Amino acid sequence: MTTMRLSAKRQVVLPRELCQQLALAPGEQVEVHLAPDGASITIQPAQAGGKRPASVLFGRATHRGKPVSVADMDAAVVAAESAREEARTGES
């Protein structure tokens, strides 16, 4: 949990990590609602499902194994395509 201070203008600054998780860019509009319990608020992007730049995806996907080269990825794609083609022609 992060604690933020309300400014004299009743503004808060959302932490960068939170904005990245919600894919919020500077200047983007958000919806703020009073939660049903009446003791908290919820914040969400104003346009759910709207177009967003690809940069909002940076840092979201992680790979925990050993690094894989582009050549190895290309070889895996070719092998998968070959296996798919063999399976398709074998069914005819």
PDB file of N, CA and C in Angstrom:
ATOM      1  N   MET A   1       0.850  -1.186   0.000  1.00  0.00           N
ATOM      2  CA  MET A   1       0.000   0.000   0.000  1.00  0.00           C
ATOM      3  C   MET A   1       0.885   1.235   0.000  1.00  0.00           C
ATOM      4  N   THR A   2       0.499   2.222  -0.763  1.00  0.00           N
ATOM      5  CA  THR A   2       1.225   3.477  -0.849  1.00  0.00           C
ATOM      6  C   THR A   2       0.382   4.578  -0.239  1.00  0.00           C
ATOM      7  N   THR A   3       0.999   5.408   0.576  1.00  0.00           N
ATOM      8  CA  THR A   3       0.309   6.555   1.160  1.00  0.00           C
ATOM      9  C   THR A   3       0.672   7.788   0.354  1.00  0.00           C
ATOM     10  N   MET A   4      -0.331   8.572  -0.022  1.00  0.00           N
ATOM     11  CA  MET A   4      -0.117   9.799  -0.786  1.00  0.00           C
ATOM     12  C   MET A   4      -0.694  10.962  -0.003  1.00  0.00           C
ATOM     13  N   ARG A   5      -0.176  12.144  -0.266  1.00  0.00           N
ATOM     14  CA  ARG A   5      -0.651  13.346   0.410  1.00  0.00           C
ATOM     15  C   ARG A   5      -1.581  14.115  -0.532  1.00  0.00           C
ATOM     16  N   LEU A   6      -2.687  14.565  -0.013  1.00  0.00           N
ATOM     17  CA  LEU A   6      -3.633  15.387  -0.755  1.00  0.00           C
ATOM     18  C   LEU A   6      -3.135  16.824  -0.737  1.00  0.00           C
ATOM     19  N   SER A   7      -2.988  17.428  -1.926  1.00  0.00           N
ATOM     20  CA  SER A   7      -2.475  18.803  -2.000  1.00  0.00           C
ATOM     21  C   SER A   7      -3.569  19.802  -1.629  1.00  0.00           C
ATOM     22  N   ALA A   8      -3.198  21.068  -1.540  1.00  0.00           N
ATOM     23  CA  ALA A   8      -4.164  22.128  -1.231  1.00  0.00           C
ATOM     24  C   ALA A   8      -5.256  22.216  -2.296  1.00  0.00           C
ATOM     25  N   LYS A   9      -4.938  21.768  -3.513  1.00  0.00           N
ATOM     26  CA  LYS A   9      -5.909  21.759  -4.606  1.00  0.00           C
ATOM     27  C   LYS A   9      -6.662  20.421  -4.682  1.00  0.00           C
ATOM     28  N   ARG A  10      -6.535  19.596  -3.631  1.00  0.00           N
ATOM     29  CA  ARG A  10      -7.169  18.276  -3.551  1.00  0.00           C
ATOM     30  C   ARG A  10      -6.675  17.343  -4.648  1.00  0.00           C
ATOM     31  N   GLN A  11      -5.383  17.417  -4.980  1.00  0.00           N
ATOM     32  CA  GLN A  11      -4.786  16.565  -5.995  1.00  0.00           C
ATOM     33  C   GLN A  11      -3.861  15.544  -5.339  1.00  0.00           C
ATOM     34  N   VAL A  12      -3.734  14.387  -5.993  1.00  0.00           N
ATOM     35  CA  VAL A  12      -2.769  13.377  -5.570  1.00  0.00           C
ATOM     36  C   VAL A  12      -1.953  12.981  -6.796  1.00  0.00           C
ATOM     37  N   VAL A  13      -0.740  12.505  -6.566  1.00  0.00           N
ATOM     38  CA  VAL A  13       0.114  12.007  -7.634  1.00  0.00           C
ATOM     39  C   VAL A  13       0.151  10.492  -7.510  1.00  0.00           C
ATOM     40  N   LEU A  14      -0.265   9.808  -8.568  1.00  0.00           N
ATOM     41  CA  LEU A  14      -0.256   8.352  -8.555  1.00  0.00           C
ATOM     42  C   LEU A  14       1.167   7.848  -8.798  1.00  0.00           C
ATOM     43  N   PRO A  15       1.605   6.854  -8.064  1.00  0.00           N
ATOM     44  CA  PRO A  15       2.947   6.318  -8.261  1.00  0.00           C
ATOM     45  C   PRO A  15       3.122   5.750  -9.673  1.00  0.00           C
ATOM     46  N   ARG A  16       4.329   5.886 -10.218  1.00  0.00           N
ATOM     47  CA  ARG A  16       4.644   5.426 -11.568  1.00  0.00           C
ATOM     48  C   ARG A  16       4.289   3.941 -11.748  1.00  0.00           C
ATOM     49  N   GLU A  17       4.627   3.113 -10.758  1.00  0.00           N
ATOM     50  CA  GLU A  17       4.365   1.678 -10.867  1.00  0.00           C
ATOM     51  C   GLU A  17       2.866   1.402 -11.020  1.00  0.00           C
ATOM     52  N   LEU A  18       2.052   2.123 -10.283  1.00  0.00           N
ATOM     53  CA  LEU A  18       0.609   1.954 -10.365  1.00  0.00           C
ATOM     54  C   LEU A  18       0.109   2.368 -11.749  1.00  0.00           C
ATOM     55  N   CYS A  19       0.612   3.479 -12.256  1.00  0.00           N
ATOM     56  CA  CYS A  19       0.208   3.938 -13.593  1.00  0.00           C
ATOM     57  C   CYS A  19       0.603   2.928 -14.656  1.00  0.00           C
ATOM     58  N   GLN A  20       1.781   2.323 -14.517  1.00  0.00           N
ATOM     59  CA  GLN A  20       2.218   1.310 -15.479  1.00  0.00           C
ATOM     60  C   GLN A  20       1.315   0.087 -15.418  1.00  0.00           C
ATOM     61  N   GLN A  21       0.925  -0.330 -14.229  1.00  0.00           N
ATOM     62  CA  GLN A  21       0.048  -1.492 -14.089  1.00  0.00           C
ATOM     63  C   GLN A  21      -1.324  -1.241 -14.702  1.00  0.00           C
ATOM     64  N   LEU A  22      -1.793  -0.002 -14.614  1.00  0.00           N
ATOM     65  CA  LEU A  22      -3.097   0.353 -15.171  1.00  0.00           C
ATOM     66  C   LEU A  22      -3.005   0.867 -16.603  1.00  0.00           C
ATOM     67  N   ALA A  23      -1.771   0.929 -17.141  1.00  0.00           N
ATOM     68  CA  ALA A  23      -1.516   1.437 -18.495  1.00  0.00           C
ATOM     69  C   ALA A  23      -2.020   2.869 -18.635  1.00  0.00           C
ATOM     70  N   LEU A  24      -1.743   3.698 -17.640  1.00  0.00           N
ATOM     71  CA  LEU A  24      -2.141   5.108 -17.668  1.00  0.00           C
ATOM     72  C   LEU A  24      -0.959   5.962 -18.111  1.00  0.00           C
ATOM     73  N   ALA A  25      -1.193   6.813 -19.084  1.00  0.00           N
ATOM     74  CA  ALA A  25      -0.174   7.737 -19.568  1.00  0.00           C
ATOM     75  C   ALA A  25      -0.460   9.129 -19.009  1.00  0.00           C
ATOM     76  N   PRO A  26       0.567   9.989 -18.899  1.00  0.00           N
ATOM     77  CA  PRO A  26       0.334  11.350 -18.402  1.00  0.00           C
ATOM     78  C   PRO A  26      -0.733  12.069 -19.241  1.00  0.00           C
ATOM     79  N   GLY A  27      -1.619  12.767 -18.589  1.00  0.00           N
ATOM     80  CA  GLY A  27      -2.683  13.503 -19.260  1.00  0.00           C
ATOM     81  C   GLY A  27      -3.925  12.680 -19.549  1.00  0.00           C
ATOM     82  N   GLU A  28      -3.871  11.389 -19.294  1.00  0.00           N
ATOM     83  CA  GLU A  28      -5.010  10.519 -19.560  1.00  0.00           C
ATOM     84  C   GLU A  28      -6.090  10.716 -18.491  1.00  0.00           C
ATOM     85  N   GLN A  29      -7.333  10.566 -18.883  1.00  0.00           N
ATOM     86  CA  GLN A  29      -8.436  10.736 -17.949  1.00  0.00           C
ATOM     87  C   GLN A  29      -8.705   9.440 -17.185  1.00  0.00           C
ATOM     88  N   VAL A  30      -9.099   9.598 -15.934  1.00  0.00           N
ATOM     89  CA  VAL A  30      -9.458   8.461 -15.090  1.00  0.00           C
ATOM     90  C   VAL A  30     -10.823   8.722 -14.474  1.00  0.00           C
ATOM     91  N   GLU A  31     -11.489   7.641 -14.101  1.00  0.00           N
ATOM     92  CA  GLU A  31     -12.761   7.743 -13.391  1.00  0.00           C
ATOM     93  C   GLU A  31     -12.494   7.460 -11.921  1.00  0.00           C
ATOM     94  N   VAL A  32     -13.052   8.276 -11.048  1.00  0.00           N
ATOM     95  CA  VAL A  32     -12.901   8.100  -9.607  1.00  0.00           C
ATOM     96  C   VAL A  32     -14.293   7.898  -9.032  1.00  0.00           C
ATOM     97  N   HIS A  33     -14.457   6.809  -8.280  1.00  0.00           N
ATOM     98  CA  HIS A  33     -15.758   6.480  -7.707  1.00  0.00           C
ATOM     99  C   HIS A  33     -15.612   6.239  -6.210  1.00  0.00           C
ATOM    100  N   LEU A  34     -16.642   6.604  -5.470  1.00  0.00           N
ATOM    101  CA  LEU A  34     -16.718   6.262  -4.055  1.00  0.00           C
ATOM    102  C   LEU A  34     -17.096   4.786  -3.971  1.00  0.00           C
ATOM    103  N   ALA A  35     -16.314   4.015  -3.243  1.00  0.00           N
ATOM    104  CA  ALA A  35     -16.576   2.589  -3.099  1.00  0.00           C
ATOM    105  C   ALA A  35     -17.870   2.367  -2.323  1.00  0.00           C
ATOM    106  N   PRO A  36     -18.495   1.208  -2.509  1.00  0.00           N
ATOM    107  CA  PRO A  36     -19.764   0.922  -1.817  1.00  0.00           C
ATOM    108  C   PRO A  36     -19.673   1.041  -0.298  1.00  0.00           C
ATOM    109  N   ASP A  37     -18.485   0.807   0.268  1.00  0.00           N
ATOM    110  CA  ASP A  37     -18.361   0.910   1.726  1.00  0.00           C
ATOM    111  C   ASP A  37     -18.369   2.362   2.203  1.00  0.00           C
ATOM    112  N   GLY A  38     -18.248   3.306   1.266  1.00  0.00           N
ATOM    113  CA  GLY A  38     -18.266   4.726   1.617  1.00  0.00           C
ATOM    114  C   GLY A  38     -17.003   5.222   2.290  1.00  0.00           C
ATOM    115  N   ALA A  39     -16.000   4.348   2.458  1.00  0.00           N
ATOM    116  CA  ALA A  39     -14.785   4.729   3.161  1.00  0.00           C
ATOM    117  C   ALA A  39     -13.552   4.720   2.260  1.00  0.00           C
ATOM    118  N   SER A  40     -13.745   4.401   0.978  1.00  0.00           N
ATOM    119  CA  SER A  40     -12.600   4.357   0.069  1.00  0.00           C
ATOM    120  C   SER A  40     -13.044   4.763  -1.331  1.00  0.00           C
ATOM    121  N   ILE A  41     -12.062   4.963  -2.201  1.00  0.00           N
ATOM    122  CA  ILE A  41     -12.359   5.328  -3.582  1.00  0.00           C
ATOM    123  C   ILE A  41     -11.696   4.327  -4.519  1.00  0.00           C
ATOM    124  N   THR A  42     -12.221   4.248  -5.742  1.00  0.00           N
ATOM    125  CA  THR A  42     -11.605   3.435  -6.785  1.00  0.00           C
ATOM    126  C   THR A  42     -11.241   4.350  -7.939  1.00  0.00           C
ATOM    127  N   ILE A  43     -10.135   4.037  -8.586  1.00  0.00           N
ATOM    128  CA  ILE A  43      -9.669   4.802  -9.742  1.00  0.00           C
ATOM    129  C   ILE A  43      -9.469   3.818 -10.881  1.00  0.00           C
ATOM    130  N   GLN A  44     -10.005   4.147 -12.063  1.00  0.00           N
ATOM    131  CA  GLN A  44      -9.820   3.286 -13.227  1.00  0.00           C
ATOM    132  C   GLN A  44      -9.713   4.152 -14.476  1.00  0.00           C
ATOM    133  N   PRO A  45      -9.101   3.622 -15.545  1.00  0.00           N
ATOM    134  CA  PRO A  45      -9.016   4.380 -16.794  1.00  0.00           C
ATOM    135  C   PRO A  45     -10.410   4.748 -17.281  1.00  0.00           C
ATOM    136  N   ALA A  46     -10.572   5.949 -17.831  1.00  0.00           N
ATOM    137  CA  ALA A  46     -11.880   6.417 -18.274  1.00  0.00           C
ATOM    138  C   ALA A  46     -12.372   5.642 -19.485  1.00  0.00           C
ATOM    139  N   GLN A  47     -11.462   5.208 -20.356  1.00  0.00           N
ATOM    140  CA  GLN A  47     -11.872   4.485 -21.559  1.00  0.00           C
ATOM    141  C   GLN A  47     -11.302   3.078 -21.517  1.00  0.00           C
ATOM    142  N   ALA A  48     -11.989   2.181 -20.871  1.00  0.00           N
ATOM    143  CA  ALA A  48     -11.535   0.787 -20.838  1.00  0.00           C
ATOM    144  C   ALA A  48     -11.597   0.224 -22.250  1.00  0.00           C
ATOM    145  N   GLY A  49     -10.526  -0.402 -22.689  1.00  0.00           N
ATOM    146  CA  GLY A  49     -10.486  -0.991 -24.020  1.00  0.00           C
ATOM    147  C   GLY A  49     -10.141  -0.016 -25.118  1.00  0.00           C
ATOM    148  N   GLY A  50      -9.832   1.230 -24.781  1.00  0.00           N
ATOM    149  CA  GLY A  50      -9.451   2.204 -25.802  1.00  0.00           C
ATOM    150  C   GLY A  50      -8.059   1.916 -26.333  1.00  0.00           C
ATOM    151  N   LYS A  51      -7.690   2.588 -27.428  1.00  0.00           N
ATOM    152  CA  LYS A  51      -6.370   2.387 -28.009  1.00  0.00           C
ATOM    153  C   LYS A  51      -5.311   2.998 -27.109  1.00  0.00           C
ATOM    154  N   ARG A  52      -4.219   2.269 -26.924  1.00  0.00           N
ATOM    155  CA  ARG A  52      -3.110   2.717 -26.095  1.00  0.00           C
ATOM    156  C   ARG A  52      -1.821   2.456 -26.851  1.00  0.00           C
ATOM    157  N   PRO A  53      -0.798   3.243 -26.575  1.00  0.00           N
ATOM    158  CA  PRO A  53       0.482   2.993 -27.246  1.00  0.00           C
ATOM    159  C   PRO A  53       1.095   1.680 -26.759  1.00  0.00           C
ATOM    160  N   ALA A  54       1.890   1.056 -27.612  1.00  0.00           N
ATOM    161  CA  ALA A  54       2.537  -0.209 -27.254  1.00  0.00           C
ATOM    162  C   ALA A  54       3.472  -0.042 -26.067  1.00  0.00           C
ATOM    163  N   SER A  55       3.932   1.165 -25.819  1.00  0.00           N
ATOM    164  CA  SER A  55       4.878   1.396 -24.725  1.00  0.00           C
ATOM    165  C   SER A  55       4.293   1.046 -23.362  1.00  0.00           C
ATOM    166  N   VAL A  56       2.966   0.976 -23.245  1.00  0.00           N
ATOM    167  CA  VAL A  56       2.378   0.608 -21.961  1.00  0.00           C
ATOM    168  C   VAL A  56       2.648  -0.857 -21.621  1.00  0.00           C
ATOM    169  N   LEU A  57       3.090  -1.637 -22.600  1.00  0.00           N
ATOM    170  CA  LEU A  57       3.374  -3.051 -22.364  1.00  0.00           C
ATOM    171  C   LEU A  57       4.791  -3.288 -21.846  1.00  0.00           C
ATOM    172  N   PHE A  58       5.668  -2.300 -21.976  1.00  0.00           N
ATOM    173  CA  PHE A  58       7.050  -2.478 -21.555  1.00  0.00           C
ATOM    174  C   PHE A  58       7.107  -2.828 -20.076  1.00  0.00           C
ATOM    175  N   GLY A  59       7.858  -3.851 -19.762  1.00  0.00           N
ATOM    176  CA  GLY A  59       8.025  -4.264 -18.382  1.00  0.00           C
ATOM    177  C   GLY A  59       6.934  -5.180 -17.862  1.00  0.00           C
ATOM    178  N   ARG A  60       5.921  -5.466 -18.656  1.00  0.00           N
ATOM    179  CA  ARG A  60       4.821  -6.314 -18.188  1.00  0.00           C
ATOM    180  C   ARG A  60       5.117  -7.799 -18.361  1.00  0.00           C
ATOM    181  N   ALA A  61       5.801  -8.144 -19.432  1.00  0.00           N
ATOM    182  CA  ALA A  61       6.127  -9.552 -19.671  1.00  0.00           C
ATOM    183  C   ALA A  61       7.520  -9.837 -19.136  1.00  0.00           C
ATOM    184  N   THR A  62       7.653 -10.942 -18.452  1.00  0.00           N
ATOM    185  CA  THR A  62       8.964 -11.318 -17.924  1.00  0.00           C
ATOM    186  C   THR A  62       9.304 -12.723 -18.382  1.00  0.00           C
ATOM    187  N   HIS A  63      10.584 -12.988 -18.470  1.00  0.00           N
ATOM    188  CA  HIS A  63      11.085 -14.311 -18.847  1.00  0.00           C
ATOM    189  C   HIS A  63      12.051 -14.741 -17.760  1.00  0.00           C
ATOM    190  N   ARG A  64      11.767 -15.851 -17.114  1.00  0.00           N
ATOM    191  CA  ARG A  64      12.584 -16.277 -15.982  1.00  0.00           C
ATOM    192  C   ARG A  64      13.635 -17.319 -16.354  1.00  0.00           C
ATOM    193  N   GLY A  65      13.621 -17.806 -17.582  1.00  0.00           N
ATOM    194  CA  GLY A  65      14.590 -18.806 -18.003  1.00  0.00           C
ATOM    195  C   GLY A  65      15.841 -18.159 -18.561  1.00  0.00           C
ATOM    196  N   LYS A  66      16.696 -19.006 -19.168  1.00  0.00           N
ATOM    197  CA  LYS A  66      17.904 -18.447 -19.765  1.00  0.00           C
ATOM    198  C   LYS A  66      17.531 -17.684 -21.026  1.00  0.00           C
ATOM    199  N   PRO A  67      18.295 -16.663 -21.382  1.00  0.00           N
ATOM    200  CA  PRO A  67      17.980 -15.861 -22.574  1.00  0.00           C
ATOM    201  C   PRO A  67      17.952 -16.722 -23.837  1.00  0.00           C
ATOM    202  N   VAL A  68      17.075 -16.370 -24.766  1.00  0.00           N
ATOM    203  CA  VAL A  68      16.938 -17.082 -26.026  1.00  0.00           C
ATOM    204  C   VAL A  68      17.292 -16.118 -27.149  1.00  0.00           C
ATOM    205  N   SER A  69      18.155 -16.571 -28.059  1.00  0.00           N
ATOM    206  CA  SER A  69      18.577 -15.704 -29.162  1.00  0.00           C
ATOM    207  C   SER A  69      17.478 -15.626 -30.219  1.00  0.00           C
ATOM    208  N   VAL A  70      17.549 -14.617 -31.053  1.00  0.00           N
ATOM    209  CA  VAL A  70      16.596 -14.460 -32.148  1.00  0.00           C
ATOM    210  C   VAL A  70      16.717 -15.641 -33.102  1.00  0.00           C
ATOM    211  N   ALA A  71      17.937 -16.107 -33.339  1.00  0.00           N
ATOM    212  CA  ALA A  71      18.142 -17.258 -34.224  1.00  0.00           C
ATOM    213  C   ALA A  71      17.440 -18.500 -33.670  1.00  0.00           C
ATOM    214  N   ASP A  72      17.519 -18.709 -32.351  1.00  0.00           N
ATOM    215  CA  ASP A  72      16.830 -19.844 -31.733  1.00  0.00           C
ATOM    216  C   ASP A  72      15.309 -19.701 -31.852  1.00  0.00           C
ATOM    217  N   MET A  73      14.806 -18.486 -31.697  1.00  0.00           N
ATOM    218  CA  MET A  73      13.365 -18.258 -31.847  1.00  0.00           C
ATOM    219  C   MET A  73      12.935 -18.528 -33.289  1.00  0.00           C
ATOM    220  N   ASP A  74      13.737 -18.043 -34.251  1.00  0.00           N
ATOM    221  CA  ASP A  74      13.418 -18.287 -35.659  1.00  0.00           C
ATOM    222  C   ASP A  74      13.399 -19.782 -35.959  1.00  0.00           C
ATOM    223  N   ALA A  75      14.387 -20.523 -35.432  1.00  0.00           N
ATOM    224  CA  ALA A  75      14.442 -21.967 -35.649  1.00  0.00           C
ATOM    225  C   ALA A  75      13.220 -22.652 -35.044  1.00  0.00           C
ATOM    226  N   ALA A  76      12.772 -22.218 -33.894  1.00  0.00           N
ATOM    227  CA  ALA A  76      11.589 -22.802 -33.259  1.00  0.00           C
ATOM    228  C   ALA A  76      10.339 -22.551 -34.098  1.00  0.00           C
ATOM    229  N   VAL A  77      10.238 -21.365 -34.691  1.00  0.00           N
ATOM    230  CA  VAL A  77       9.087 -21.048 -35.546  1.00  0.00           C
ATOM    231  C   VAL A  77       9.099 -21.941 -36.779  1.00  0.00           C
ATOM    232  N   VAL A  78      10.273 -22.096 -37.415  1.00  0.00           N
ATOM    233  CA  VAL A  78      10.378 -22.948 -38.603  1.00  0.00           C
ATOM    234  C   VAL A  78      10.020 -24.386 -38.247  1.00  0.00           C
ATOM    235  N   ALA A  79      10.506 -24.887 -37.106  1.00  0.00           N
ATOM    236  CA  ALA A  79      10.198 -26.256 -36.686  1.00  0.00           C
ATOM    237  C   ALA A  79       8.706 -26.434 -36.441  1.00  0.00           C
ATOM    238  N   ALA A  80       8.077 -25.461 -35.814  1.00  0.00           N
ATOM    239  CA  ALA A  80       6.637 -25.544 -35.547  1.00  0.00           C
ATOM    240  C   ALA A  80       5.842 -25.516 -36.846  1.00  0.00           C
ATOM    241  N   GLU A  81       6.255 -24.672 -37.783  1.00  0.00           N
ATOM    242  CA  GLU A  81       5.570 -24.615 -39.081  1.00  0.00           C
ATOM    243  C   GLU A  81       5.725 -25.938 -39.823  1.00  0.00           C
ATOM    244  N   SER A  82       6.918 -26.523 -39.771  1.00  0.00           N
ATOM    245  CA  SER A  82       7.147 -27.815 -40.430  1.00  0.00           C
ATOM    246  C   SER A  82       6.280 -28.901 -39.810  1.00  0.00           C
ATOM    247  N   ALA A  83       6.212 -28.941 -38.487  1.00  0.00           N
ATOM    248  CA  ALA A  83       5.393 -29.937 -37.801  1.00  0.00           C
ATOM    249  C   ALA A  83       3.918 -29.746 -38.138  1.00  0.00           C
ATOM    250  N   ARG A  84       3.468 -28.509 -38.213  1.00  0.00           N
ATOM    251  CA  ARG A  84       2.071 -28.228 -38.559  1.00  0.00           C
ATOM    252  C   ARG A  84       1.779 -28.677 -39.988  1.00  0.00           C
ATOM    253  N   GLU A  85       2.714 -28.405 -40.896  1.00  0.00           N
ATOM    254  CA  GLU A  85       2.538 -28.816 -42.294  1.00  0.00           C
ATOM    255  C   GLU A  85       2.517 -30.337 -42.430  1.00  0.00           C
ATOM    256  N   GLU A  86       3.410 -31.010 -41.691  1.00  0.00           N
ATOM    257  CA  GLU A  86       3.435 -32.482 -41.732  1.00  0.00           C
ATOM    258  C   GLU A  86       2.135 -33.044 -41.180  1.00  0.00           C
ATOM    259  N   ALA A  87       1.621 -32.472 -40.127  1.00  0.00           N
ATOM    260  CA  ALA A  87       0.373 -32.939 -39.538  1.00  0.00           C
ATOM    261  C   ALA A  87      -0.782 -32.711 -40.498  1.00  0.00           C
ATOM    262  N   ARG A  88      -0.753 -31.583 -41.195  1.00  0.00           N
ATOM    263  CA  ARG A  88      -1.827 -31.265 -42.145  1.00  0.00           C
ATOM    264  C   ARG A  88      -1.796 -32.197 -43.343  1.00  0.00           C
ATOM    265  N   THR A  89      -0.625 -32.447 -43.891  1.00  0.00           N
ATOM    266  CA  THR A  89      -0.529 -33.319 -45.057  1.00  0.00           C
ATOM    267  C   THR A  89      -0.722 -34.776 -44.681  1.00  0.00           C
ATOM    268  N   GLY A  90      -0.413 -35.139 -43.454  1.00  0.00           N
ATOM    269  CA  GLY A  90      -0.604 -36.508 -42.996  1.00  0.00           C
ATOM    270  C   GLY A  90      -2.063 -36.851 -42.811  1.00  0.00           C
ATOM    271  N   GLU A  91      -2.912 -35.843 -42.579  1.00  0.00           N
ATOM    272  CA  GLU A  91      -4.343 -36.073 -42.372  1.00  0.00           C
ATOM    273  C   GLU A  91      -5.083 -36.291 -43.684  1.00  0.00           C
ATOM    274  N   SER A  92      -4.533 -35.799 -44.807  1.00  0.00           N
ATOM    275  CA  SER A  92      -5.229 -35.894 -46.104  1.00  0.00           C
ATOM    276  C   SER A  92      -5.244 -37.287 -46.644  1.00  0.00           C
TER     277      SER A  92
END
